[in-house]
Amino acid sequence: MPINTGRFLLLTAGLVGLLSACGGGAPEQFLTLKLEGKPLRFDKHLGANDPPSEPTVHFVSVGGHLEDDPSSPGFMFQLVAPEVKPGTYRSGVDQLYASYYVQTRNGTTTYTGDAMDGASFVMTVTAMDADGVQGTFSGRLRLTGGGEQGPFLQVENGRFSARYNGH
């Protein structure tokens, strides 16, 4: 059975292109979580801090929005430490802060996870490299100004993978 050379070359080129697209390249960026049981994806305008300028990483900041509109609801967190490396960090023990915010006509409504008045936040850095940071998080966010009585929002199943700015 003769092989049609043109068809063979076309199929080979297509297969090589498909395999090339599957490997390499920048990893997908995402910031996902369940807020009060509702799955949300804050992958618009998603970014991390600038790349570290020295071998020791001193902070990690990650944030994103629900929609392309920067005034849409957002979620962010920041960790500051003498040396950030893979491991688990907790608000109240470490300098870790999280925020969920919604802009309205009357201002911005913000819920924070900062170990104050019943709020808490836990983040685990699972991987770091020259391009970005990955990990998981969860917590209990308190309405700013709400005091010990809340109201509170529960954050569960948080996951992130964010490239440093400029990468």
Protein backbone atom coordinates (compact mmCIF):
# COMPACT_ATOMS: atom_id res chain seq x y z
CA MET A 1 0.00 0.00 0.00
CA PRO A 2 1.69 3.25 -1.14
CA ILE A 3 1.88 6.17 1.30
CA ASN A 4 0.79 9.58 0.10
CA THR A 5 3.91 11.65 0.90
CA GLY A 6 2.00 14.95 1.12
CA ARG A 7 -0.55 13.52 3.54
CA PHE A 8 2.21 11.88 5.64
CA LEU A 9 4.17 15.15 5.92
CA LEU A 10 1.03 17.08 6.85
CA LEU A 11 0.09 14.57 9.58
CA THR A 12 3.67 14.52 10.90
CA ALA A 13 3.80 18.33 11.05
CA GLY A 14 0.45 18.42 12.84
CA LEU A 15 1.57 15.82 15.39
CA VAL A 16 4.85 17.65 16.07
CA GLY A 17 2.93 20.92 16.54
CA LEU A 18 0.48 19.29 18.93
CA LEU A 19 3.23 17.70 21.02
CA SER A 20 5.17 20.99 21.12
CA ALA A 21 2.10 22.81 22.41
CA CYS A 22 1.66 20.27 25.21
CA GLY A 23 5.11 20.71 26.68
CA GLY A 24 7.09 23.67 27.97
CA GLY A 25 5.92 27.23 28.13
CA ALA A 26 4.76 29.18 31.15
CA PRO A 27 2.54 27.32 33.61
CA GLU A 28 -1.10 28.31 33.93
CA GLN A 29 -1.78 31.08 36.42
CA PHE A 30 -4.74 30.72 38.77
CA LEU A 31 -6.16 31.82 42.11
CA THR A 32 -9.14 29.66 43.06
CA LEU A 33 -11.07 29.22 46.29
CA LYS A 34 -14.43 28.46 47.83
CA LEU A 35 -15.97 31.46 49.57
CA GLU A 36 -18.82 30.37 51.83
CA GLY A 37 -18.94 27.16 49.76
CA LYS A 38 -19.16 28.96 46.39
CA PRO A 39 -16.29 28.20 43.97
CA LEU A 40 -14.62 31.38 42.66
CA ARG A 41 -11.71 32.02 40.29
CA PHE A 42 -9.77 35.28 40.73
CA ASP A 43 -7.60 34.84 37.64
CA LYS A 44 -8.14 38.23 36.00
CA HIS A 45 -5.33 40.76 36.49
CA LEU A 46 -3.62 37.99 38.49
CA GLY A 47 -0.07 38.63 39.54
CA ALA A 48 2.55 38.16 42.18
CA ASN A 49 5.16 40.57 43.48
CA ASP A 50 8.21 41.58 41.48
CA PRO A 51 10.86 38.86 41.18
CA PRO A 52 13.24 38.72 44.15
CA SER A 53 16.32 40.88 43.65
CA GLU A 54 18.49 38.67 45.88
CA PRO A 55 18.73 34.94 46.66
CA THR A 56 16.67 35.24 49.88
CA VAL A 57 12.95 35.83 49.29
CA HIS A 58 11.49 38.20 51.93
CA PHE A 59 7.88 38.49 50.81
CA VAL A 60 5.18 36.98 48.62
CA SER A 61 2.17 38.97 47.41
CA VAL A 62 -0.50 37.42 45.18
CA GLY A 63 -3.80 38.94 44.04
CA GLY A 64 -6.42 38.86 41.33
CA HIS A 65 -9.95 39.83 40.32
CA LEU A 66 -13.08 37.91 39.31
CA GLU A 67 -13.49 39.81 36.03
CA ASP A 68 -11.38 41.82 33.60
CA ASP A 69 -12.74 44.97 35.25
CA PRO A 70 -10.29 46.00 38.02
CA SER A 71 -13.25 47.27 40.06
CA SER A 72 -14.68 43.72 40.22
CA PRO A 73 -14.35 41.78 43.50
CA GLY A 74 -10.78 40.87 44.33
CA PHE A 75 -8.78 38.59 46.59
CA MET A 76 -5.18 39.07 47.69
CA PHE A 77 -2.73 37.96 50.34
CA GLN A 78 0.75 38.94 51.44
CA LEU A 79 3.41 37.21 53.51
CA VAL A 80 6.48 39.03 54.86
CA ALA A 81 9.21 36.98 56.56
CA PRO A 82 12.99 36.98 57.06
CA GLU A 83 13.11 34.11 54.53
CA VAL A 84 10.09 32.82 52.62
CA LYS A 85 10.49 29.22 51.48
CA PRO A 86 8.13 26.28 50.96
CA GLY A 87 6.21 25.64 54.16
CA THR A 88 3.09 26.65 56.09
CA TYR A 89 2.51 30.18 57.42
CA ARG A 90 -0.24 31.40 59.78
CA SER A 91 -1.63 34.85 60.54
CA GLY A 92 -0.90 35.74 64.15
CA VAL A 93 2.32 33.70 64.10
CA ASP A 94 3.75 34.98 60.82
CA GLN A 95 3.26 38.36 59.17
CA LEU A 96 0.49 37.07 56.88
CA TYR A 97 -2.51 39.08 55.74
CA ALA A 98 -5.40 38.26 53.38
CA SER A 99 -8.20 40.38 51.96
CA TYR A 100 -11.41 39.87 49.98
CA TYR A 101 -12.84 43.18 48.76
CA VAL A 102 -15.87 44.38 46.84
CA GLN A 103 -16.18 47.93 45.54
CA THR A 104 -19.61 49.53 45.75
CA ARG A 105 -21.04 53.00 45.18
CA ASN A 106 -20.72 53.58 48.91
CA GLY A 107 -17.07 52.57 49.11
CA THR A 108 -15.22 49.30 49.45
CA THR A 109 -16.39 46.43 51.63
CA THR A 110 -13.37 44.48 52.87
CA TYR A 111 -13.03 41.20 54.75
CA THR A 112 -9.60 40.47 56.21
CA GLY A 113 -7.75 37.46 57.55
CA ASP A 114 -5.21 38.86 59.98
CA ALA A 115 -5.63 36.99 63.32
CA MET A 116 -7.57 39.92 64.81
CA ASP A 117 -11.02 39.57 66.37
CA GLY A 118 -11.59 35.94 65.36
CA ALA A 119 -10.16 36.13 61.83
CA SER A 120 -7.44 33.74 60.67
CA PHE A 121 -5.56 32.77 57.52
CA VAL A 122 -3.20 29.90 56.67
CA MET A 123 -1.07 29.70 53.53
CA THR A 124 1.22 26.89 52.43
CA VAL A 125 3.87 27.68 49.84
CA THR A 126 4.29 24.42 47.92
CA ALA A 127 6.77 25.60 45.26
CA MET A 128 8.88 28.62 44.40
CA ASP A 129 11.23 29.22 41.50
CA ALA A 130 12.70 32.08 39.49
CA ASP A 131 9.37 32.63 37.69
CA GLY A 132 6.79 32.55 40.48
CA VAL A 133 5.14 30.88 43.45
CA GLN A 134 2.50 28.18 44.05
CA GLY A 135 0.56 27.02 47.06
CA THR A 136 -2.67 26.56 48.98
CA PHE A 137 -4.62 28.60 51.54
CA SER A 138 -7.71 28.76 53.74
CA GLY A 139 -9.10 30.94 56.49
CA ARG A 140 -11.81 32.89 58.20
CA LEU A 141 -12.11 36.50 57.06
CA ARG A 142 -13.75 39.19 59.19
CA LEU A 143 -15.63 42.24 57.91
CA THR A 144 -13.38 45.24 58.54
CA GLY A 145 -14.88 47.15 61.46
CA GLY A 146 -17.11 44.22 62.38
CA GLY A 147 -15.31 43.30 65.61
CA GLU A 148 -15.31 39.91 67.30
CA GLN A 149 -18.93 39.29 66.30
CA GLY A 150 -18.08 39.43 62.60
CA PRO A 151 -19.67 38.89 60.19
CA PHE A 152 -17.18 36.36 58.85
CA LEU A 153 -16.58 34.65 55.50
CA GLN A 154 -15.11 31.15 55.31
CA VAL A 155 -12.40 30.55 52.68
CA GLU A 156 -11.68 26.92 51.78
CA ASN A 157 -9.77 24.93 49.16
CA GLY A 158 -7.68 27.92 48.08
CA ARG A 159 -5.04 27.23 45.43
CA PHE A 160 -2.74 29.54 43.53
CA SER A 161 -0.02 29.61 40.92
CA ALA A 162 1.22 33.08 40.02
CA ARG A 163 4.17 34.32 38.00
CA TYR A 164 6.21 37.21 39.28
CA ASN A 165 5.47 40.55 37.59
CA GLY A 166 7.30 40.76 34.29
CA HIS A 167 7.51 36.97 33.79
